[in-house]
Each structure stands twice: as C-alpha cells, then as structure tokens.
Amino acid sequence: MFDKFKQLGELNKMRQQAQSLQKELEKIIETVEKNGLSVSVTGDQKIRYIKKDGEEMKELVELINEAMKKVQKEAAKKMMEMGGGLSGLLGGMGK
C-alpha cells in the first residue's frame, strides 16, 4: 500500500516537472524571415505568427496549430498503445 502512495507521489512530481518544462519551452521563441515571409515559433512547437510582407496570416496560423495539436494527440495515443507514456514509466501502476 505504501508503494502505491510512493508511486502517486512520484507521478505528482513528474506532473509538476512536466508543467515546469512546458512553461520553459513556451519562453523559447525563434523567428525566421526570408523573401518577405516571417514565421515565429515557440519551443513548445506552436506558431506565434506568420507574416507575408508584414501582413499577419492568422487563419493559416490557427489551421497549422490545430493540425499540430491533432498530430500530437495521435502520437501520444500511439505511444500509449506501444507501452510508452506514464503508464509504461510507472510499471503499469494503473492496472
């Protein structure tokens, strides 16, 4: 029983570390400009903006970010199916 409490504590610690990492990744910003186009992306792989000749292309940004979110969900699902993710790290605690 104490082992389960220890695992829950470890899970909570991992969750806090993941949230901290997420905040740090959001602070990373790279902007690239070429041939009248400008793209700005954060470290958590979200597009901040796309500009063409100084004009923001918000609809394109929203569309790409939506597609990325869907792909990330599918990738996470595949990892879970293959025994990865938190359940794999915690030795099947949820079983």
PDB file of N, CA and C in Angstrom:
ATOM      1  N   MET A   1       0.832  -1.197   0.000  1.00  0.00           N
ATOM      2  CA  MET A   1       0.000   0.000   0.000  1.00  0.00           C
ATOM      3  C   MET A   1       0.873   1.257   0.000  1.00  0.00           C
ATOM      4  N   PHE A   2       1.925   1.247   0.819  1.00  0.00           N
ATOM      5  CA  PHE A   2       2.815   2.411   0.847  1.00  0.00           C
ATOM      6  C   PHE A   2       3.493   2.598  -0.494  1.00  0.00           C
ATOM      7  N   ASP A   3       3.708   1.483  -1.201  1.00  0.00           N
ATOM      8  CA  ASP A   3       4.326   1.562  -2.527  1.00  0.00           C
ATOM      9  C   ASP A   3       3.430   2.353  -3.480  1.00  0.00           C
ATOM     10  N   LYS A   4       2.126   2.175  -3.374  1.00  0.00           N
ATOM     11  CA  LYS A   4       1.176   2.923  -4.225  1.00  0.00           C
ATOM     12  C   LYS A   4       1.239   4.419  -3.916  1.00  0.00           C
ATOM     13  N   PHE A   5       1.343   4.763  -2.615  1.00  0.00           N
ATOM     14  CA  PHE A   5       1.454   6.172  -2.233  1.00  0.00           C
ATOM     15  C   PHE A   5       2.742   6.770  -2.778  1.00  0.00           C
ATOM     16  N   LYS A   6       3.809   5.987  -2.732  1.00  0.00           N
ATOM     17  CA  LYS A   6       5.094   6.441  -3.258  1.00  0.00           C
ATOM     18  C   LYS A   6       4.977   6.690  -4.764  1.00  0.00           C
ATOM     19  N   GLN A   7       4.313   5.770  -5.460  1.00  0.00           N
ATOM     20  CA  GLN A   7       4.143   5.920  -6.905  1.00  0.00           C
ATOM     21  C   GLN A   7       3.291   7.152  -7.217  1.00  0.00           C
ATOM     22  N   LEU A   8       2.238   7.399  -6.415  1.00  0.00           N
ATOM     23  CA  LEU A   8       1.402   8.583  -6.631  1.00  0.00           C
ATOM     24  C   LEU A   8       2.212   9.858  -6.408  1.00  0.00           C
ATOM     25  N   GLY A   9       3.082   9.840  -5.396  1.00  0.00           N
ATOM     26  CA  GLY A   9       3.952  10.988  -5.139  1.00  0.00           C
ATOM     27  C   GLY A   9       4.899  11.225  -6.300  1.00  0.00           C
ATOM     28  N   GLU A  10       5.439  10.134  -6.842  1.00  0.00           N
ATOM     29  CA  GLU A  10       6.336  10.244  -7.987  1.00  0.00           C
ATOM     30  C   GLU A  10       5.592  10.769  -9.209  1.00  0.00           C
ATOM     31  N   LEU A  11       4.359  10.307  -9.394  1.00  0.00           N
ATOM     32  CA  LEU A  11       3.540  10.776 -10.506  1.00  0.00           C
ATOM     33  C   LEU A  11       3.284  12.280 -10.380  1.00  0.00           C
ATOM     34  N   ASN A  12       2.954  12.730  -9.178  1.00  0.00           N
ATOM     35  CA  ASN A  12       2.714  14.158  -8.944  1.00  0.00           C
ATOM     36  C   ASN A  12       3.983  14.964  -9.221  1.00  0.00           C
ATOM     37  N   LYS A  13       5.126  14.441  -8.792  1.00  0.00           N
ATOM     38  CA  LYS A  13       6.404  15.123  -9.030  1.00  0.00           C
ATOM     39  C   LYS A  13       6.679  15.219 -10.531  1.00  0.00           C
ATOM     40  N   MET A  14       6.427  14.122 -11.253  1.00  0.00           N
ATOM     41  CA  MET A  14       6.630  14.120 -12.701  1.00  0.00           C
ATOM     42  C   MET A  14       5.702  15.118 -13.384  1.00  0.00           C
ATOM     43  N   ARG A  15       4.458  15.208 -12.918  1.00  0.00           N
ATOM     44  CA  ARG A  15       3.482  16.147 -13.487  1.00  0.00           C
ATOM     45  C   ARG A  15       3.970  17.583 -13.279  1.00  0.00           C
ATOM     46  N   GLN A  16       4.470  17.883 -12.088  1.00  0.00           N
ATOM     47  CA  GLN A  16       4.980  19.226 -11.804  1.00  0.00           C
ATOM     48  C   GLN A  16       6.192  19.544 -12.680  1.00  0.00           C
ATOM     49  N   GLN A  17       7.076  18.555 -12.864  1.00  0.00           N
ATOM     50  CA  GLN A  17       8.239  18.757 -13.716  1.00  0.00           C
ATOM     51  C   GLN A  17       7.812  19.005 -15.160  1.00  0.00           C
ATOM     52  N   ALA A  18       6.801  18.268 -15.620  1.00  0.00           N
ATOM     53  CA  ALA A  18       6.307  18.445 -16.987  1.00  0.00           C
ATOM     54  C   ALA A  18       5.710  19.839 -17.170  1.00  0.00           C
ATOM     55  N   GLN A  19       4.966  20.308 -16.176  1.00  0.00           N
ATOM     56  CA  GLN A  19       4.373  21.643 -16.252  1.00  0.00           C
ATOM     57  C   GLN A  19       5.461  22.721 -16.256  1.00  0.00           C
ATOM     58  N   SER A  20       6.487  22.513 -15.455  1.00  0.00           N
ATOM     59  CA  SER A  20       7.600  23.457 -15.406  1.00  0.00           C
ATOM     60  C   SER A  20       8.325  23.492 -16.755  1.00  0.00           C
ATOM     61  N   LEU A  21       8.566  22.305 -17.322  1.00  0.00           N
ATOM     62  CA  LEU A  21       9.212  22.221 -18.627  1.00  0.00           C
ATOM     63  C   LEU A  21       8.370  22.917 -19.689  1.00  0.00           C
ATOM     64  N   GLN A  22       7.055  22.713 -19.655  1.00  0.00           N
ATOM     65  CA  GLN A  22       6.148  23.338 -20.615  1.00  0.00           C
ATOM     66  C   GLN A  22       6.284  24.860 -20.561  1.00  0.00           C
ATOM     67  N   LYS A  23       6.326  25.414 -19.347  1.00  0.00           N
ATOM     68  CA  LYS A  23       6.459  26.864 -19.201  1.00  0.00           C
ATOM     69  C   LYS A  23       7.789  27.360 -19.758  1.00  0.00           C
ATOM     70  N   GLU A  24       8.847  26.595 -19.540  1.00  0.00           N
ATOM     71  CA  GLU A  24      10.158  26.980 -20.066  1.00  0.00           C
ATOM     72  C   GLU A  24      10.180  26.915 -21.591  1.00  0.00           C
ATOM     73  N   LEU A  25       9.556  25.884 -22.158  1.00  0.00           N
ATOM     74  CA  LEU A  25       9.511  25.746 -23.614  1.00  0.00           C
ATOM     75  C   LEU A  25       8.742  26.894 -24.262  1.00  0.00           C
ATOM     76  N   GLU A  26       7.687  27.354 -23.596  1.00  0.00           N
ATOM     77  CA  GLU A  26       6.894  28.457 -24.127  1.00  0.00           C
ATOM     78  C   GLU A  26       7.709  29.744 -24.224  1.00  0.00           C
ATOM     79  N   LYS A  27       8.751  29.857 -23.402  1.00  0.00           N
ATOM     80  CA  LYS A  27       9.590  31.059 -23.397  1.00  0.00           C
ATOM     81  C   LYS A  27      10.573  31.086 -24.570  1.00  0.00           C
ATOM     82  N   ILE A  28      10.861  29.917 -25.151  1.00  0.00           N
ATOM     83  CA  ILE A  28      11.785  29.852 -26.282  1.00  0.00           C
ATOM     84  C   ILE A  28      11.047  30.335 -27.526  1.00  0.00           C
ATOM     85  N   ILE A  29      11.602  31.315 -28.196  1.00  0.00           N
ATOM     86  CA  ILE A  29      10.962  31.865 -29.392  1.00  0.00           C
ATOM     87  C   ILE A  29      12.011  31.999 -30.490  1.00  0.00           C
ATOM     88  N   GLU A  30      11.707  31.439 -31.645  1.00  0.00           N
ATOM     89  CA  GLU A  30      12.567  31.574 -32.820  1.00  0.00           C
ATOM     90  C   GLU A  30      11.750  32.221 -33.931  1.00  0.00           C
ATOM     91  N   THR A  31      12.338  33.200 -34.555  1.00  0.00           N
ATOM     92  CA  THR A  31      11.687  33.880 -35.675  1.00  0.00           C
ATOM     93  C   THR A  31      12.639  33.834 -36.866  1.00  0.00           C
ATOM     94  N   VAL A  32      12.089  33.441 -38.012  1.00  0.00           N
ATOM     95  CA  VAL A  32      12.881  33.335 -39.232  1.00  0.00           C
ATOM     96  C   VAL A  32      12.201  34.179 -40.309  1.00  0.00           C
ATOM     97  N   GLU A  33      13.007  34.949 -41.018  1.00  0.00           N
ATOM     98  CA  GLU A  33      12.487  35.789 -42.094  1.00  0.00           C
ATOM     99  C   GLU A  33      13.236  35.477 -43.384  1.00  0.00           C
ATOM    100  N   LYS A  34      12.457  35.385 -44.469  1.00  0.00           N
ATOM    101  CA  LYS A  34      13.067  35.109 -45.770  1.00  0.00           C
ATOM    102  C   LYS A  34      12.069  35.459 -46.874  1.00  0.00           C
ATOM    103  N   ASN A  35      12.529  36.168 -47.865  1.00  0.00           N
ATOM    104  CA  ASN A  35      11.731  36.501 -49.053  1.00  0.00           C
ATOM    105  C   ASN A  35      10.357  37.088 -48.712  1.00  0.00           C
ATOM    106  N   GLY A  36      10.316  38.020 -47.774  1.00  0.00           N
ATOM    107  CA  GLY A  36       9.057  38.673 -47.430  1.00  0.00           C
ATOM    108  C   GLY A  36       8.176  37.889 -46.479  1.00  0.00           C
ATOM    109  N   LEU A  37       8.598  36.689 -46.092  1.00  0.00           N
ATOM    110  CA  LEU A  37       7.850  35.880 -45.136  1.00  0.00           C
ATOM    111  C   LEU A  37       8.551  35.901 -43.790  1.00  0.00           C
ATOM    112  N   SER A  38       7.760  35.872 -42.731  1.00  0.00           N
ATOM    113  CA  SER A  38       8.282  35.848 -41.373  1.00  0.00           C
ATOM    114  C   SER A  38       7.456  34.838 -40.576  1.00  0.00           C
ATOM    115  N   VAL A  39       8.158  33.926 -39.891  1.00  0.00           N
ATOM    116  CA  VAL A  39       7.487  32.909 -39.085  1.00  0.00           C
ATOM    117  C   VAL A  39       8.106  32.931 -37.692  1.00  0.00           C
ATOM    118  N   SER A  40       7.246  32.926 -36.666  1.00  0.00           N
ATOM    119  CA  SER A  40       7.706  32.903 -35.284  1.00  0.00           C
ATOM    120  C   SER A  40       7.083  31.682 -34.590  1.00  0.00           C
ATOM    121  N   VAL A  41       7.956  30.877 -33.965  1.00  0.00           N
ATOM    122  CA  VAL A  41       7.535  29.615 -33.357  1.00  0.00           C
ATOM    123  C   VAL A  41       8.075  29.538 -31.927  1.00  0.00           C
ATOM    124  N   THR A  42       7.306  28.942 -31.030  1.00  0.00           N
ATOM    125  CA  THR A  42       7.756  28.749 -29.648  1.00  0.00           C
ATOM    126  C   THR A  42       8.363  27.356 -29.484  1.00  0.00           C
ATOM    127  N   GLY A  43       9.086  27.174 -28.389  1.00  0.00           N
ATOM    128  CA  GLY A  43       9.744  25.908 -28.107  1.00  0.00           C
ATOM    129  C   GLY A  43       8.786  24.764 -27.859  1.00  0.00           C
ATOM    130  N   ASP A  44       7.525  25.067 -27.569  1.00  0.00           N
ATOM    131  CA  ASP A  44       6.533  24.006 -27.408  1.00  0.00           C
ATOM    132  C   ASP A  44       5.802  23.735 -28.730  1.00  0.00           C
ATOM    133  N   GLN A  45       6.449  24.135 -29.811  1.00  0.00           N
ATOM    134  CA  GLN A  45       6.029  23.842 -31.183  1.00  0.00           C
ATOM    135  C   GLN A  45       4.683  24.442 -31.562  1.00  0.00           C
ATOM    136  N   LYS A  46       4.467  25.672 -31.138  1.00  0.00           N
ATOM    137  CA  LYS A  46       3.274  26.409 -31.542  1.00  0.00           C
ATOM    138  C   LYS A  46       3.718  27.610 -32.357  1.00  0.00           C
ATOM    139  N   ILE A  47       2.991  27.849 -33.424  1.00  0.00           N
ATOM    140  CA  ILE A  47       3.297  29.005 -34.274  1.00  0.00           C
ATOM    141  C   ILE A  47       2.667  30.239 -33.646  1.00  0.00           C
ATOM    142  N   ARG A  48       3.501  31.244 -33.410  1.00  0.00           N
ATOM    143  CA  ARG A  48       3.008  32.503 -32.847  1.00  0.00           C
ATOM    144  C   ARG A  48       2.378  33.353 -33.934  1.00  0.00           C
ATOM    145  N   TYR A  49       3.103  33.464 -35.051  1.00  0.00           N
ATOM    146  CA  TYR A  49       2.563  34.216 -36.182  1.00  0.00           C
ATOM    147  C   TYR A  49       3.294  33.839 -37.464  1.00  0.00           C
ATOM    148  N   ILE A  50       2.590  34.097 -38.553  1.00  0.00           N
ATOM    149  CA  ILE A  50       3.170  34.029 -39.894  1.00  0.00           C
ATOM    150  C   ILE A  50       2.804  35.353 -40.551  1.00  0.00           C
ATOM    151  N   LYS A  51       3.799  36.009 -41.114  1.00  0.00           N
ATOM    152  CA  LYS A  51       3.545  37.277 -41.800  1.00  0.00           C
ATOM    153  C   LYS A  51       4.098  37.195 -43.213  1.00  0.00           C
ATOM    154  N   LYS A  52       3.321  37.755 -44.141  1.00  0.00           N
ATOM    155  CA  LYS A  52       3.770  37.872 -45.523  1.00  0.00           C
ATOM    156  C   LYS A  52       3.750  39.355 -45.858  1.00  0.00           C
ATOM    157  N   ASP A  53       4.922  39.875 -46.171  1.00  0.00           N
ATOM    158  CA  ASP A  53       5.074  41.304 -46.457  1.00  0.00           C
ATOM    159  C   ASP A  53       4.475  42.159 -45.334  1.00  0.00           C
ATOM    160  N   GLY A  54       4.699  41.741 -44.083  1.00  0.00           N
ATOM    161  CA  GLY A  54       4.242  42.489 -42.911  1.00  0.00           C
ATOM    162  C   GLY A  54       2.808  42.234 -42.499  1.00  0.00           C
ATOM    163  N   GLU A  55       2.046  41.508 -43.320  1.00  0.00           N
ATOM    164  CA  GLU A  55       0.640  41.244 -43.007  1.00  0.00           C
ATOM    165  C   GLU A  55       0.499  39.877 -42.339  1.00  0.00           C
ATOM    166  N   GLU A  56      -0.143  39.881 -41.151  1.00  0.00           N
ATOM    167  CA  GLU A  56      -0.309  38.640 -40.409  1.00  0.00           C
ATOM    168  C   GLU A  56      -1.324  37.719 -41.073  1.00  0.00           C
ATOM    169  N   MET A  57      -1.025  36.427 -41.045  1.00  0.00           N
ATOM    170  CA  MET A  57      -1.893  35.413 -41.649  1.00  0.00           C
ATOM    171  C   MET A  57      -2.459  34.545 -40.524  1.00  0.00           C
ATOM    172  N   LYS A  58      -3.394  35.124 -39.752  1.00  0.00           N
ATOM    173  CA  LYS A  58      -3.926  34.472 -38.555  1.00  0.00           C
ATOM    174  C   LYS A  58      -4.645  33.158 -38.856  1.00  0.00           C
ATOM    175  N   GLU A  59      -5.412  33.118 -39.925  1.00  0.00           N
ATOM    176  CA  GLU A  59      -6.147  31.892 -40.257  1.00  0.00           C
ATOM    177  C   GLU A  59      -5.199  30.735 -40.531  1.00  0.00           C
ATOM    178  N   LEU A  60      -4.115  30.996 -41.213  1.00  0.00           N
ATOM    179  CA  LEU A  60      -3.124  29.963 -41.507  1.00  0.00           C
ATOM    180  C   LEU A  60      -2.463  29.474 -40.216  1.00  0.00           C
ATOM    181  N   VAL A  61      -2.145  30.394 -39.317  1.00  0.00           N
ATOM    182  CA  VAL A  61      -1.554  30.039 -38.024  1.00  0.00           C
ATOM    183  C   VAL A  61      -2.494  29.127 -37.246  1.00  0.00           C
ATOM    184  N   GLU A  62      -3.767  29.515 -37.176  1.00  0.00           N
ATOM    185  CA  GLU A  62      -4.756  28.717 -36.449  1.00  0.00           C
ATOM    186  C   GLU A  62      -4.894  27.328 -37.059  1.00  0.00           C
ATOM    187  N   LEU A  63      -4.899  27.263 -38.374  1.00  0.00           N
ATOM    188  CA  LEU A  63      -5.045  25.981 -39.070  1.00  0.00           C
ATOM    189  C   LEU A  63      -3.851  25.063 -38.804  1.00  0.00           C
ATOM    190  N   ILE A  64      -2.655  25.603 -38.899  1.00  0.00           N
ATOM    191  CA  ILE A  64      -1.454  24.794 -38.662  1.00  0.00           C
ATOM    192  C   ILE A  64      -1.393  24.344 -37.203  1.00  0.00           C
ATOM    193  N   ASN A  65      -1.676  25.246 -36.259  1.00  0.00           N
ATOM    194  CA  ASN A  65      -1.649  24.876 -34.844  1.00  0.00           C
ATOM    195  C   ASN A  65      -2.687  23.811 -34.521  1.00  0.00           C
ATOM    196  N   GLU A  66      -3.854  23.884 -35.144  1.00  0.00           N
ATOM    197  CA  GLU A  66      -4.890  22.866 -34.947  1.00  0.00           C
ATOM    198  C   GLU A  66      -4.426  21.512 -35.471  1.00  0.00           C
ATOM    199  N   ALA A  67      -3.812  21.510 -36.649  1.00  0.00           N
ATOM    200  CA  ALA A  67      -3.303  20.264 -37.227  1.00  0.00           C
ATOM    201  C   ALA A  67      -2.202  19.668 -36.346  1.00  0.00           C
ATOM    202  N   MET A  68      -1.313  20.516 -35.841  1.00  0.00           N
ATOM    203  CA  MET A  68      -0.231  20.056 -34.967  1.00  0.00           C
ATOM    204  C   MET A  68      -0.782  19.428 -33.689  1.00  0.00           C
ATOM    205  N   LYS A  69      -1.808  20.037 -33.125  1.00  0.00           N
ATOM    206  CA  LYS A  69      -2.422  19.521 -31.904  1.00  0.00           C
ATOM    207  C   LYS A  69      -3.009  18.130 -32.149  1.00  0.00           C
ATOM    208  N   LYS A  70      -3.675  17.956 -33.293  1.00  0.00           N
ATOM    209  CA  LYS A  70      -4.257  16.651 -33.623  1.00  0.00           C
ATOM    210  C   LYS A  70      -3.179  15.592 -33.809  1.00  0.00           C
ATOM    211  N   VAL A  71      -2.095  15.956 -34.471  1.00  0.00           N
ATOM    212  CA  VAL A  71      -0.990  15.018 -34.692  1.00  0.00           C
ATOM    213  C   VAL A  71      -0.347  14.636 -33.361  1.00  0.00           C
ATOM    214  N   GLN A  72      -0.172  15.600 -32.478  1.00  0.00           N
ATOM    215  CA  GLN A  72       0.417  15.322 -31.171  1.00  0.00           C
ATOM    216  C   GLN A  72      -0.461  14.374 -30.362  1.00  0.00           C
ATOM    217  N   LYS A  73      -1.782  14.537 -30.436  1.00  0.00           N
ATOM    218  CA  LYS A  73      -2.702  13.628 -29.731  1.00  0.00           C
ATOM    219  C   LYS A  73      -2.588  12.215 -30.280  1.00  0.00           C
ATOM    220  N   GLU A  74      -2.530  12.092 -31.597  1.00  0.00           N
ATOM    221  CA  GLU A  74      -2.399  10.771 -32.215  1.00  0.00           C
ATOM    222  C   GLU A  74      -1.063  10.127 -31.854  1.00  0.00           C
ATOM    223  N   ALA A  75       0.004  10.929 -31.822  1.00  0.00           N
ATOM    224  CA  ALA A  75       1.321  10.404 -31.452  1.00  0.00           C
ATOM    225  C   ALA A  75       1.306   9.920 -30.006  1.00  0.00           C
ATOM    226  N   ALA A  76       0.662  10.670 -29.122  1.00  0.00           N
ATOM    227  CA  ALA A  76       0.569  10.267 -27.711  1.00  0.00           C
ATOM    228  C   ALA A  76      -0.221   8.971 -27.575  1.00  0.00           C
ATOM    229  N   LYS A  77      -1.293   8.847 -28.371  1.00  0.00           N
ATOM    230  CA  LYS A  77      -2.104   7.631 -28.335  1.00  0.00           C
ATOM    231  C   LYS A  77      -1.274   6.423 -28.781  1.00  0.00           C
ATOM    232  N   LYS A  78      -0.489   6.597 -29.833  1.00  0.00           N
ATOM    233  CA  LYS A  78       0.375   5.512 -30.330  1.00  0.00           C
ATOM    234  C   LYS A  78       1.394   5.109 -29.267  1.00  0.00           C
ATOM    235  N   MET A  79       1.967   6.101 -28.590  1.00  0.00           N
ATOM    236  CA  MET A  79       2.944   5.807 -27.548  1.00  0.00           C
ATOM    237  C   MET A  79       2.310   4.988 -26.430  1.00  0.00           C
ATOM    238  N   MET A  80       1.070   5.320 -26.069  1.00  0.00           N
ATOM    239  CA  MET A  80       0.362   4.585 -25.020  1.00  0.00           C
ATOM    240  C   MET A  80       0.091   3.150 -25.473  1.00  0.00           C
ATOM    241  N   GLU A  81      -0.296   2.985 -26.724  1.00  0.00           N
ATOM    242  CA  GLU A  81      -0.572   1.654 -27.265  1.00  0.00           C
ATOM    243  C   GLU A  81       0.682   0.789 -27.263  1.00  0.00           C
ATOM    244  N   MET A  82       1.840   1.431 -27.450  1.00  0.00           N
ATOM    245  CA  MET A  82       3.093   0.689 -27.516  1.00  0.00           C
ATOM    246  C   MET A  82       3.747   0.544 -26.143  1.00  0.00           C
ATOM    247  N   GLY A  83       3.008   0.882 -25.086  1.00  0.00           N
ATOM    248  CA  GLY A  83       3.532   0.699 -23.740  1.00  0.00           C
ATOM    249  C   GLY A  83       4.360   1.856 -23.244  1.00  0.00           C
ATOM    250  N   GLY A  84       4.293   2.974 -23.941  1.00  0.00           N
ATOM    251  CA  GLY A  84       5.047   4.147 -23.508  1.00  0.00           C
ATOM    252  C   GLY A  84       4.204   5.014 -22.606  1.00  0.00           C
ATOM    253  N   GLY A  85       4.557   6.247 -22.534  1.00  0.00           N
ATOM    254  CA  GLY A  85       3.815   7.189 -21.714  1.00  0.00           C
ATOM    255  C   GLY A  85       4.032   6.947 -20.229  1.00  0.00           C
ATOM    256  N   LEU A  86       3.232   7.582 -19.398  1.00  0.00           N
ATOM    257  CA  LEU A  86       3.396   7.478 -17.957  1.00  0.00           C
ATOM    258  C   LEU A  86       3.136   6.071 -17.434  1.00  0.00           C
ATOM    259  N   SER A  87       2.172   5.370 -18.041  1.00  0.00           N
ATOM    260  CA  SER A  87       1.884   4.032 -17.537  1.00  0.00           C
ATOM    261  C   SER A  87       3.080   3.097 -17.711  1.00  0.00           C
ATOM    262  N   GLY A  88       3.803   3.266 -18.809  1.00  0.00           N
ATOM    263  CA  GLY A  88       4.999   2.461 -19.023  1.00  0.00           C
ATOM    264  C   GLY A  88       6.107   2.837 -18.051  1.00  0.00           C
ATOM    265  N   LEU A  89       6.222   4.126 -17.750  1.00  0.00           N
ATOM    266  CA  LEU A  89       7.258   4.586 -16.838  1.00  0.00           C
ATOM    267  C   LEU A  89       7.001   4.137 -15.403  1.00  0.00           C
ATOM    268  N   LEU A  90       5.725   4.020 -15.046  1.00  0.00           N
ATOM    269  CA  LEU A  90       5.382   3.666 -13.672  1.00  0.00           C
ATOM    270  C   LEU A  90       5.129   2.172 -13.498  1.00  0.00           C
ATOM    271  N   GLY A  91       5.489   1.395 -14.486  1.00  0.00           N
ATOM    272  CA  GLY A  91       5.353  -0.050 -14.357  1.00  0.00           C
ATOM    273  C   GLY A  91       3.916  -0.531 -14.295  1.00  0.00           C
ATOM    274  N   GLY A  92       3.022   0.122 -15.015  1.00  0.00           N
ATOM    275  CA  GLY A  92       1.639  -0.332 -15.074  1.00  0.00           C
ATOM    276  C   GLY A  92       0.889  -0.088 -13.774  1.00  0.00           C
ATOM    277  N   MET A  93       1.169   0.997 -13.085  1.00  0.00           N
ATOM    278  CA  MET A  93       0.540   1.304 -11.800  1.00  0.00           C
ATOM    279  C   MET A  93      -0.988   1.302 -11.885  1.00  0.00           C
ATOM    280  N   GLY A  94      -1.537   1.739 -13.003  1.00  0.00           N
ATOM    281  CA  GLY A  94      -2.982   1.854 -13.135  1.00  0.00           C
ATOM    282  C   GLY A  94      -3.700   0.548 -13.350  1.00  0.00           C
ATOM    283  N   LYS A  95      -2.965  -0.549 -13.463  1.00  0.00           N
ATOM    284  CA  LYS A  95      -3.611  -1.835 -13.747  1.00  0.00           C
ATOM    285  C   LYS A  95      -4.160  -2.472 -12.501  1.00  0.00           C
TER     286      LYS A  95
END
